[in-house]
Structures are given as C-alpha cells and as structure tokens.
Amino acid sequence: MSTVTVSPKYQVVIPEKIRKDLHIKPGQKFEVLEFEGCLEFVPLKDIRSLRGSLKGLDTRFIREKKDRS
C-alpha cells in the first residue's frame, strides 16, 4: 500500500510503482469518482481503442427480471 499527501494546490503524486504497473503516461486523463467516501480514478480511453473488446460476449443472460418477458 502506498501513501500520498495532498498538496496546498490539492494535487497528489501517483507513486512510481503504480504508474509503472498501470502504464500511466504524462497527460493521461482520468475520470474521478467518489463512491462511499472513496476516490476512484478511472482512465479515459479513446473509443477507437475499445473496438473489438466485446467480441464473443454472451448476451443471452438475463440481467433483470423485467427482461424475461
């Protein structure tokens, strides 16, 4: 686990190991979400990079009861 400090400008530095493990590059953008008192950083991806990522997805499952009819 890593600890970071919020600067007077409300900035934090992502620890080097996490940057390397997640291949975070300078200038990369993230969506920041608050969920139950925690911050989550979700990398924004170019829509073109997602092409084909759902190939082979089984869409036959029933997600909600109202979908059964």
Protein backbone atom coordinates (compact mmCIF):
# COMPACT_ATOMS: atom_id res chain seq x y z
CA MET A 1 0.00 0.00 0.00
CA SER A 2 1.22 3.50 -0.80
CA THR A 3 0.50 6.78 0.94
CA VAL A 4 0.23 10.13 -0.81
CA THR A 5 -0.14 13.67 0.52
CA VAL A 6 -2.47 16.32 -0.87
CA SER A 7 -0.52 19.48 -1.71
CA PRO A 8 -1.77 23.02 -0.93
CA LYS A 9 -2.99 23.06 -4.56
CA TYR A 10 -4.97 19.83 -3.93
CA GLN A 11 -2.60 17.78 -6.09
CA VAL A 12 -1.31 14.27 -5.41
CA VAL A 13 1.57 12.34 -6.96
CA ILE A 14 0.79 8.79 -8.09
CA PRO A 15 3.56 6.55 -6.72
CA GLU A 16 6.11 5.33 -9.27
CA LYS A 17 5.33 1.64 -8.83
CA ILE A 18 1.63 2.22 -9.52
CA ARG A 19 2.43 4.42 -12.54
CA LYS A 20 4.63 1.67 -13.98
CA ASP A 21 2.26 -1.20 -13.15
CA LEU A 22 -0.70 0.59 -14.76
CA HIS A 23 1.32 2.13 -17.64
CA ILE A 24 0.20 5.66 -16.74
CA LYS A 25 1.71 8.31 -19.01
CA PRO A 26 2.07 12.09 -18.51
CA GLY A 27 -1.00 13.93 -19.77
CA GLN A 28 -3.25 10.87 -19.48
CA LYS A 29 -6.78 11.77 -18.38
CA PHE A 30 -8.87 10.11 -15.68
CA GLU A 31 -12.47 10.30 -14.59
CA VAL A 32 -12.55 10.86 -10.82
CA LEU A 33 -15.48 9.32 -8.97
CA GLU A 34 -16.48 9.44 -5.32
CA PHE A 35 -18.06 6.20 -4.12
CA GLU A 36 -18.96 5.59 -0.48
CA GLY A 37 -16.30 8.00 0.77
CA CYS A 38 -13.54 6.68 -1.53
CA LEU A 39 -11.99 8.22 -4.63
CA GLU A 40 -11.72 6.13 -7.77
CA PHE A 41 -9.60 7.13 -10.75
CA VAL A 42 -10.83 5.59 -14.00
CA PRO A 43 -8.62 6.07 -17.07
CA LEU A 44 -10.38 7.61 -20.04
CA LYS A 45 -9.80 5.62 -23.21
CA ASP A 46 -10.13 6.63 -26.81
CA ILE A 47 -13.29 5.00 -28.17
CA ARG A 48 -11.29 3.55 -31.07
CA SER A 49 -9.11 1.58 -28.65
CA LEU A 50 -12.21 -0.30 -27.45
CA ARG A 51 -13.05 -1.68 -30.90
CA GLY A 52 -13.47 -5.43 -30.72
CA SER A 53 -13.28 -5.57 -26.93
CA LEU A 54 -16.78 -7.08 -26.66
CA LYS A 55 -16.27 -9.70 -29.36
CA GLY A 56 -17.57 -13.06 -28.22
CA LEU A 57 -19.61 -11.58 -25.35
CA ASP A 58 -22.57 -13.84 -24.48
CA THR A 59 -25.64 -11.58 -24.47
CA ARG A 60 -28.15 -14.34 -23.70
CA PHE A 61 -28.06 -13.93 -19.91
CA ILE A 62 -30.99 -12.30 -18.09
CA ARG A 63 -29.82 -9.23 -16.23
CA GLU A 64 -33.10 -8.13 -14.68
CA LYS A 65 -36.48 -9.75 -14.05
CA LYS A 66 -38.24 -7.34 -16.42
CA ASP A 67 -36.02 -8.63 -19.28
CA ARG A 68 -37.60 -12.09 -19.05
CA SER A 69 -40.80 -11.14 -20.84
